[in-house]
């Protein structure tokens, strides 16, 4: 079972039409931070696009279909870490993603 970094809710946005918060930039920052941390841990280059491809491949697997995006992200990170026998670092990589995403989560000017 995957454990996730604890989350503290600091803001709640009701952004129905996508004009209040730049979520794409926040997700991009999170993916970049996670890929950088994965690269350090596994000892080979992990790009944000590679991480996204692994995540996307998981979304269509029967066991993961319909599961939350956070579950897909964590499983992608765990699978990449498994290539270096470092699944124990999954929570650390998830935390790097969350911290970078949250830091980049800002309202449009």
C-alpha atoms as a PDB file:
ATOM      1  CA  UNK A   1       0.000   0.000   0.000  1.00  0.00           C
ATOM      2  CA  UNK A   2       1.278   3.455  -0.875  1.00  0.00           C
ATOM      3  CA  UNK A   3       1.539   6.093   1.801  1.00  0.00           C
ATOM      4  CA  UNK A   4       1.285   9.721   0.808  1.00  0.00           C
ATOM      5  CA  UNK A   5       2.910  12.752   2.327  1.00  0.00           C
ATOM      6  CA  UNK A   6       0.563  14.404   4.749  1.00  0.00           C
ATOM      7  CA  UNK A   7      -1.303  17.307   3.263  1.00  0.00           C
ATOM      8  CA  UNK A   8      -2.303  20.512   4.983  1.00  0.00           C
ATOM      9  CA  UNK A   9      -5.088  22.432   3.312  1.00  0.00           C
ATOM     10  CA  UNK A  10      -4.205  26.100   3.173  1.00  0.00           C
ATOM     11  CA  UNK A  11      -6.500  27.299   0.380  1.00  0.00           C
ATOM     12  CA  UNK A  12      -9.671  26.202  -1.292  1.00  0.00           C
ATOM     13  CA  UNK A  13     -10.360  27.617  -4.748  1.00  0.00           C
ATOM     14  CA  UNK A  14     -13.576  27.319  -6.671  1.00  0.00           C
ATOM     15  CA  UNK A  15     -12.141  28.007 -10.107  1.00  0.00           C
ATOM     16  CA  UNK A  16     -14.979  26.858 -12.331  1.00  0.00           C
ATOM     17  CA  UNK A  17     -13.698  28.421 -15.550  1.00  0.00           C
ATOM     18  CA  UNK A  18      -9.912  28.147 -15.003  1.00  0.00           C
ATOM     19  CA  UNK A  19      -9.276  31.863 -14.662  1.00  0.00           C
ATOM     20  CA  UNK A  20      -8.184  32.185 -11.013  1.00  0.00           C
ATOM     21  CA  UNK A  21      -5.254  29.803 -10.655  1.00  0.00           C
ATOM     22  CA  UNK A  22      -2.608  28.653 -13.129  1.00  0.00           C
ATOM     23  CA  UNK A  23      -2.802  24.939 -12.333  1.00  0.00           C
ATOM     24  CA  UNK A  24      -0.713  23.898 -15.341  1.00  0.00           C
ATOM     25  CA  UNK A  25       2.262  25.904 -14.083  1.00  0.00           C
ATOM     26  CA  UNK A  26       1.863  24.406 -10.612  1.00  0.00           C
ATOM     27  CA  UNK A  27       1.650  20.848 -11.951  1.00  0.00           C
ATOM     28  CA  UNK A  28       4.652  21.497 -14.212  1.00  0.00           C
ATOM     29  CA  UNK A  29       6.687  22.735 -11.220  1.00  0.00           C
ATOM     30  CA  UNK A  30       5.705  19.657  -9.229  1.00  0.00           C
ATOM     31  CA  UNK A  31       6.662  17.300 -12.057  1.00  0.00           C
ATOM     32  CA  UNK A  32      10.005  19.055 -12.539  1.00  0.00           C
ATOM     33  CA  UNK A  33      10.813  18.787  -8.826  1.00  0.00           C
ATOM     34  CA  UNK A  34       9.783  15.127  -8.693  1.00  0.00           C
ATOM     35  CA  UNK A  35      11.806  14.289 -11.808  1.00  0.00           C
ATOM     36  CA  UNK A  36      14.865  16.048 -10.376  1.00  0.00           C
ATOM     37  CA  UNK A  37      14.563  14.153  -7.092  1.00  0.00           C
ATOM     38  CA  UNK A  38      14.029  10.854  -8.930  1.00  0.00           C
ATOM     39  CA  UNK A  39      17.153  11.554 -11.011  1.00  0.00           C
ATOM     40  CA  UNK A  40      19.196  12.070  -7.829  1.00  0.00           C
ATOM     41  CA  UNK A  41      17.906   8.899  -6.203  1.00  0.00           C
ATOM     42  CA  UNK A  42      18.016   6.448  -9.122  1.00  0.00           C
ATOM     43  CA  UNK A  43      21.234   7.808 -10.629  1.00  0.00           C
ATOM     44  CA  UNK A  44      19.974   8.302 -14.173  1.00  0.00           C
ATOM     45  CA  UNK A  45      18.141  11.098 -15.913  1.00  0.00           C
ATOM     46  CA  UNK A  46      14.394  11.088 -15.300  1.00  0.00           C
ATOM     47  CA  UNK A  47      12.669  13.830 -17.270  1.00  0.00           C
ATOM     48  CA  UNK A  48       9.286  15.319 -16.414  1.00  0.00           C
ATOM     49  CA  UNK A  49       7.933  13.932 -19.687  1.00  0.00           C
ATOM     50  CA  UNK A  50       9.167  10.421 -18.842  1.00  0.00           C
ATOM     51  CA  UNK A  51       7.490  10.665 -15.437  1.00  0.00           C
ATOM     52  CA  UNK A  52       4.274  11.825 -17.136  1.00  0.00           C
ATOM     53  CA  UNK A  53       4.437   8.921 -19.618  1.00  0.00           C
ATOM     54  CA  UNK A  54       4.801   6.382 -16.807  1.00  0.00           C
ATOM     55  CA  UNK A  55       1.898   8.031 -14.959  1.00  0.00           C
ATOM     56  CA  UNK A  56      -0.275   8.047 -18.083  1.00  0.00           C
ATOM     57  CA  UNK A  57       0.407   4.356 -18.733  1.00  0.00           C
ATOM     58  CA  UNK A  58      -0.800   3.545 -15.221  1.00  0.00           C
ATOM     59  CA  UNK A  59      -4.134   5.324 -15.665  1.00  0.00           C
ATOM     60  CA  UNK A  60      -5.334   2.710 -18.166  1.00  0.00           C
ATOM     61  CA  UNK A  61      -4.364  -0.339 -16.117  1.00  0.00           C
ATOM     62  CA  UNK A  62      -7.464  -2.072 -14.733  1.00  0.00           C
ATOM     63  CA  UNK A  63      -6.214  -1.886 -11.137  1.00  0.00           C
ATOM     64  CA  UNK A  64      -5.741   1.888 -11.402  1.00  0.00           C
ATOM     65  CA  UNK A  65      -8.616   2.895 -13.662  1.00  0.00           C
ATOM     66  CA  UNK A  66     -10.800   5.481 -11.949  1.00  0.00           C
ATOM     67  CA  UNK A  67      -8.343   6.054  -9.104  1.00  0.00           C
ATOM     68  CA  UNK A  68      -7.342   9.598  -8.080  1.00  0.00           C
ATOM     69  CA  UNK A  69      -4.551  11.395  -9.938  1.00  0.00           C
ATOM     70  CA  UNK A  70      -2.462  11.438  -6.751  1.00  0.00           C
ATOM     71  CA  UNK A  71      -2.521   7.623  -6.727  1.00  0.00           C
ATOM     72  CA  UNK A  72      -1.326   7.507 -10.352  1.00  0.00           C
ATOM     73  CA  UNK A  73       1.483   9.984  -9.606  1.00  0.00           C
ATOM     74  CA  UNK A  74       2.690   8.110  -6.527  1.00  0.00           C
ATOM     75  CA  UNK A  75       2.594   4.760  -8.332  1.00  0.00           C
ATOM     76  CA  UNK A  76       4.590   6.187 -11.251  1.00  0.00           C
ATOM     77  CA  UNK A  77       7.209   7.471  -8.823  1.00  0.00           C
ATOM     78  CA  UNK A  78       7.278   4.145  -6.981  1.00  0.00           C
ATOM     79  CA  UNK A  79       7.789   2.206 -10.232  1.00  0.00           C
ATOM     80  CA  UNK A  80      10.659   4.441 -11.313  1.00  0.00           C
ATOM     81  CA  UNK A  81      12.243   4.103  -7.868  1.00  0.00           C
ATOM     82  CA  UNK A  82      11.815   0.314  -8.088  1.00  0.00           C
ATOM     83  CA  UNK A  83      14.291   0.253 -10.976  1.00  0.00           C
ATOM     84  CA  UNK A  84      16.942   1.177  -8.396  1.00  0.00           C
ATOM     85  CA  UNK A  85      15.385  -0.827  -5.531  1.00  0.00           C
ATOM     86  CA  UNK A  86      14.477   2.444  -3.786  1.00  0.00           C
ATOM     87  CA  UNK A  87      10.696   2.199  -3.392  1.00  0.00           C
ATOM     88  CA  UNK A  88      11.316   3.341   0.182  1.00  0.00           C
ATOM     89  CA  UNK A  89      11.849   6.882  -1.177  1.00  0.00           C
ATOM     90  CA  UNK A  90       8.362   7.196  -2.701  1.00  0.00           C
ATOM     91  CA  UNK A  91       7.024   9.434   0.072  1.00  0.00           C
ATOM     92  CA  UNK A  92      10.091  11.665  -0.245  1.00  0.00           C
ATOM     93  CA  UNK A  93       9.523  12.161  -3.984  1.00  0.00           C
ATOM     94  CA  UNK A  94       5.789  12.743  -3.499  1.00  0.00           C
ATOM     95  CA  UNK A  95       6.647  15.372  -0.873  1.00  0.00           C
ATOM     96  CA  UNK A  96       9.015  17.115  -3.328  1.00  0.00           C
ATOM     97  CA  UNK A  97       6.226  17.175  -5.913  1.00  0.00           C
ATOM     98  CA  UNK A  98       3.664  18.558  -3.453  1.00  0.00           C
ATOM     99  CA  UNK A  99       6.017  21.212  -2.069  1.00  0.00           C
ATOM    100  CA  UNK A 100       6.976  22.509  -5.524  1.00  0.00           C
ATOM    101  CA  UNK A 101       3.394  22.376  -6.791  1.00  0.00           C
ATOM    102  CA  UNK A 102       2.104  24.263  -3.783  1.00  0.00           C
ATOM    103  CA  UNK A 103       4.875  26.863  -3.986  1.00  0.00           C
ATOM    104  CA  UNK A 104       3.972  27.511  -7.623  1.00  0.00           C
ATOM    105  CA  UNK A 105       0.240  27.612  -6.989  1.00  0.00           C
ATOM    106  CA  UNK A 106      -0.608  31.245  -7.386  1.00  0.00           C
ATOM    107  CA  UNK A 107      -3.452  33.308  -8.638  1.00  0.00           C
ATOM    108  CA  UNK A 108      -3.318  34.899 -12.070  1.00  0.00           C
ATOM    109  CA  UNK A 109      -2.364  38.566 -12.084  1.00  0.00           C
END
